[in-house]
N, C-alpha and C. Protein backbone atom coordinates (compact mmCIF):
# COMPACT_ATOMS: atom_id res chain seq x y z
N UNK A 1 -29.94 2.58 44.43
CA UNK A 1 -28.80 2.39 43.43
C UNK A 1 -28.88 3.44 42.39
N UNK A 2 -27.60 3.78 41.92
CA UNK A 2 -26.91 4.67 41.12
C UNK A 2 -26.41 3.89 39.92
N UNK A 3 -26.97 3.72 38.58
CA UNK A 3 -26.29 3.58 37.44
C UNK A 3 -25.90 4.33 36.23
N UNK A 4 -24.58 4.65 35.94
CA UNK A 4 -23.82 5.38 35.05
C UNK A 4 -23.37 4.92 33.91
N UNK A 5 -24.22 5.58 32.84
CA UNK A 5 -23.98 5.10 31.51
C UNK A 5 -22.84 5.37 31.24
N UNK A 6 -21.41 5.21 30.94
CA UNK A 6 -20.11 6.28 30.44
C UNK A 6 -20.45 6.47 28.49
N UNK A 7 -20.06 6.83 28.54
CA UNK A 7 -20.08 7.23 26.58
C UNK A 7 -20.13 8.05 25.94
N UNK A 8 -19.47 8.57 25.22
CA UNK A 8 -19.46 9.81 24.01
C UNK A 8 -21.01 10.30 22.74
N UNK A 9 -21.74 9.04 23.15
CA UNK A 9 -22.56 8.54 22.36
C UNK A 9 -22.64 8.23 20.66
N UNK A 10 -21.84 7.43 21.07
CA UNK A 10 -21.50 6.59 19.78
C UNK A 10 -22.98 5.94 19.59
N UNK A 11 -22.57 4.40 18.83
CA UNK A 11 -23.80 3.43 18.70
C UNK A 11 -23.83 2.61 19.65
N UNK A 12 -22.57 2.16 20.15
CA UNK A 12 -22.50 0.82 21.01
C UNK A 12 -23.13 1.80 22.50
N UNK A 13 -22.56 2.87 22.78
CA UNK A 13 -22.60 3.74 24.15
C UNK A 13 -24.41 3.54 24.07
N UNK A 14 -24.99 4.55 23.04
CA UNK A 14 -26.50 4.40 23.20
C UNK A 14 -26.84 3.43 23.08
N UNK A 15 -27.13 2.26 22.31
CA UNK A 15 -27.11 0.72 22.76
C UNK A 15 -27.05 0.01 24.59
N UNK A 16 -26.24 0.41 24.98
CA UNK A 16 -25.86 -0.09 26.23
C UNK A 16 -26.90 0.48 27.06
N UNK A 17 -27.33 2.09 27.06
CA UNK A 17 -28.12 2.93 27.45
C UNK A 17 -29.69 1.97 26.92
N UNK A 18 -30.34 1.78 25.97
CA UNK A 18 -31.20 1.40 25.88
C UNK A 18 -31.12 0.08 26.52
N UNK A 19 -30.31 -1.11 26.90
CA UNK A 19 -30.43 -2.20 27.26
C UNK A 19 -30.71 -2.05 28.53
N UNK A 20 -29.80 -1.32 29.25
CA UNK A 20 -30.04 -0.91 30.26
C UNK A 20 -31.26 -0.24 31.10
N UNK A 21 -32.35 0.70 30.12
CA UNK A 21 -33.43 1.00 30.56
C UNK A 21 -34.36 0.28 30.74
N UNK A 22 -34.30 -1.26 29.44
CA UNK A 22 -35.01 -1.60 29.16
C UNK A 22 -35.28 -3.03 30.38
N UNK A 23 -34.02 -3.47 30.84
CA UNK A 23 -34.34 -4.57 31.91
C UNK A 23 -34.30 -3.64 33.34
N UNK A 24 -33.66 -2.70 33.41
CA UNK A 24 -34.58 -1.92 34.86
C UNK A 24 -35.81 -1.69 35.06
N UNK A 25 -36.45 -1.41 33.73
CA UNK A 25 -38.59 -1.56 33.12
C UNK A 25 -38.51 -3.19 33.38
N UNK A 26 -37.97 -3.64 33.19
CA UNK A 26 -37.97 -5.22 33.07
C UNK A 26 -38.08 -5.85 34.47
N UNK A 27 -37.22 -5.68 34.66
CA UNK A 27 -36.98 -6.54 36.36
C UNK A 27 -37.93 -5.49 37.48
N UNK A 28 -38.17 -4.39 37.39
CA UNK A 28 -38.95 -3.40 38.51
C UNK A 28 -38.31 -2.90 39.40
N UNK A 29 -36.54 -2.45 38.58
CA UNK A 29 -35.47 -2.29 39.59
C UNK A 29 -35.77 -1.16 39.98
N UNK A 30 -35.92 -0.09 40.89
CA UNK A 30 -35.67 1.07 41.26
C UNK A 30 -34.35 1.70 41.53
N UNK A 31 -33.74 2.54 40.72
CA UNK A 31 -32.46 3.05 40.32
C UNK A 31 -32.56 4.57 40.09
N UNK A 32 -31.49 5.07 39.94
CA UNK A 32 -31.43 6.22 39.06
C UNK A 32 -30.49 5.98 38.13
N UNK A 33 -30.21 6.20 36.69
CA UNK A 33 -29.56 6.10 35.53
C UNK A 33 -29.08 7.53 35.74
N UNK A 34 -27.56 7.78 35.41
CA UNK A 34 -27.42 8.61 34.56
C UNK A 34 -26.19 8.45 33.30
N UNK A 35 -26.34 9.30 32.18
CA UNK A 35 -26.07 9.29 30.98
C UNK A 35 -24.97 10.38 31.81
N UNK A 36 -23.09 9.43 31.04
CA UNK A 36 -22.43 10.69 31.57
C UNK A 36 -21.64 10.83 30.11
N UNK A 37 -21.36 11.46 29.63
CA UNK A 37 -21.31 11.75 28.45
C UNK A 37 -19.56 12.67 28.07
N UNK A 38 -19.97 13.76 28.78
CA UNK A 38 -18.42 14.21 28.82
C UNK A 38 -17.29 13.71 29.17
N UNK A 39 -16.26 13.82 27.86
CA UNK A 39 -15.01 13.21 28.28
C UNK A 39 -14.25 13.84 29.42
N UNK A 40 -14.43 14.65 30.04
CA UNK A 40 -13.75 14.87 31.63
C UNK A 40 -14.11 14.34 32.50
N UNK A 41 -15.63 14.09 32.45
CA UNK A 41 -15.89 13.01 33.51
C UNK A 41 -15.86 11.49 33.43
N UNK A 42 -15.68 11.53 31.92
CA UNK A 42 -15.32 9.94 31.48
C UNK A 42 -13.95 9.69 32.22
N UNK A 43 -13.18 10.28 31.75
CA UNK A 43 -12.05 10.16 32.70
C UNK A 43 -11.57 10.22 34.01
N UNK A 44 -12.35 10.66 34.66
CA UNK A 44 -12.39 11.03 36.30
C UNK A 44 -12.52 9.78 36.66
N UNK A 45 -13.45 8.95 36.45
CA UNK A 45 -13.41 7.50 36.33
C UNK A 45 -12.30 6.59 36.34
N UNK A 46 -11.70 7.03 35.37
CA UNK A 46 -10.11 6.22 35.15
C UNK A 46 -10.57 5.09 34.17
N UNK A 47 -11.81 5.45 32.87
CA UNK A 47 -12.84 4.81 32.22
C UNK A 47 -11.62 5.20 30.85
N UNK A 48 -11.04 4.65 30.04
CA UNK A 48 -10.05 4.87 29.07
C UNK A 48 -10.91 4.68 27.42
N UNK A 49 -11.86 3.06 27.48
CA UNK A 49 -12.68 3.03 26.90
C UNK A 49 -14.15 2.88 27.41
N UNK A 50 -15.24 2.96 26.10
CA UNK A 50 -16.63 3.58 26.60
C UNK A 50 -16.89 2.15 25.09
N UNK A 51 -18.06 1.67 25.33
CA UNK A 51 -19.30 1.85 26.23
C UNK A 51 -18.74 1.71 27.63
N UNK A 52 -18.51 2.32 28.95
CA UNK A 52 -18.53 2.05 30.23
C UNK A 52 -19.67 2.11 31.03
N UNK A 53 -20.17 0.90 32.47
CA UNK A 53 -21.16 0.97 33.23
C UNK A 53 -20.56 0.68 34.29
N UNK A 54 -21.08 2.38 35.22
CA UNK A 54 -20.59 2.36 36.99
C UNK A 54 -21.90 1.57 37.56
N UNK A 55 -21.83 1.06 38.94
CA UNK A 55 -23.15 0.68 39.77
C UNK A 55 -22.65 1.07 40.90
N UNK A 56 -23.24 2.13 41.59
CA UNK A 56 -22.69 3.13 42.59
C UNK A 56 -21.70 3.72 42.68
N UNK A 57 -21.35 3.85 41.85
CA UNK A 57 -19.83 4.86 41.36
C UNK A 57 -18.58 3.70 41.08
N UNK A 58 -18.95 2.27 40.66
CA UNK A 58 -17.74 1.57 40.50
C UNK A 58 -18.07 0.65 39.39
N UNK A 59 -17.22 1.10 38.56
CA UNK A 59 -17.10 0.65 37.33
C UNK A 59 -16.75 -0.87 37.20
N UNK A 60 -18.09 -1.36 36.20
CA UNK A 60 -18.27 -3.06 36.54
C UNK A 60 -17.94 -3.20 34.75
N UNK A 61 -18.14 -2.32 33.84
CA UNK A 61 -17.37 -3.02 32.54
C UNK A 61 -16.52 -2.14 32.12
N UNK A 62 -16.04 -1.87 31.09
CA UNK A 62 -15.57 -0.94 29.92
C UNK A 62 -15.27 -1.34 28.85
N UNK A 63 -15.43 -0.67 27.32
CA UNK A 63 -14.97 -1.07 26.35
C UNK A 63 -16.13 -2.07 25.33
N UNK A 64 -16.63 -2.32 25.92
CA UNK A 64 -17.77 -3.34 25.28
C UNK A 64 -19.43 -3.36 25.24
N UNK A 65 -20.09 -3.51 24.62
CA UNK A 65 -21.53 -3.95 24.54
C UNK A 65 -21.69 -4.99 25.30
N UNK A 66 -22.12 -4.48 27.23
CA UNK A 66 -22.52 -5.58 27.47
C UNK A 66 -24.07 -6.80 27.06
N UNK A 67 -23.71 -7.65 27.37
CA UNK A 67 -25.27 -8.76 26.51
C UNK A 67 -26.55 -8.18 27.89
N UNK A 68 -27.60 -8.46 27.09
CA UNK A 68 -28.88 -8.07 28.32
C UNK A 68 -28.53 -9.33 29.36
N UNK A 69 -28.27 -10.87 29.25
CA UNK A 69 -27.47 -11.54 30.59
C UNK A 69 -26.52 -10.78 31.40
N UNK A 70 -25.39 -10.07 30.67
CA UNK A 70 -24.45 -9.66 31.54
C UNK A 70 -25.02 -8.40 32.40
N UNK A 71 -25.43 -7.87 31.28
CA UNK A 71 -25.99 -6.35 32.06
C UNK A 71 -26.91 -6.78 33.71
N UNK A 72 -27.90 -7.69 33.27
CA UNK A 72 -29.03 -8.34 34.58
C UNK A 72 -28.60 -8.82 35.26
N UNK A 73 -27.01 -9.88 35.67
CA UNK A 73 -26.54 -10.28 36.54
C UNK A 73 -26.14 -8.98 37.29
N UNK A 74 -25.03 -7.96 36.98
CA UNK A 74 -24.68 -6.80 37.20
C UNK A 74 -25.73 -5.97 38.12
N UNK A 75 -26.89 -5.73 38.07
CA UNK A 75 -27.75 -5.69 38.46
C UNK A 75 -28.35 -5.80 39.43
N UNK A 76 -28.40 -7.24 39.04
CA UNK A 76 -29.18 -8.35 40.52
C UNK A 76 -28.56 -8.51 41.39
N UNK A 77 -26.85 -8.39 41.36
CA UNK A 77 -25.53 -8.28 42.15
C UNK A 77 -25.69 -7.69 43.13
């Protein structure tokens, strides 16, 4: 599994990254985590609002800071 966190470095983007890292460690999920911060790369995903979360190249959320439970649900499906 590949998890990508798209954001330019705002506080919400950093918090999403922190939550994802914590949850991956807690659940023992083996995956690659990539932080995408270049605006051109973010726009290539079709994302106009950050933070955004992509799993295996598919955008799962844009424009909001997901809760811990929401992230867990996305990572376990």
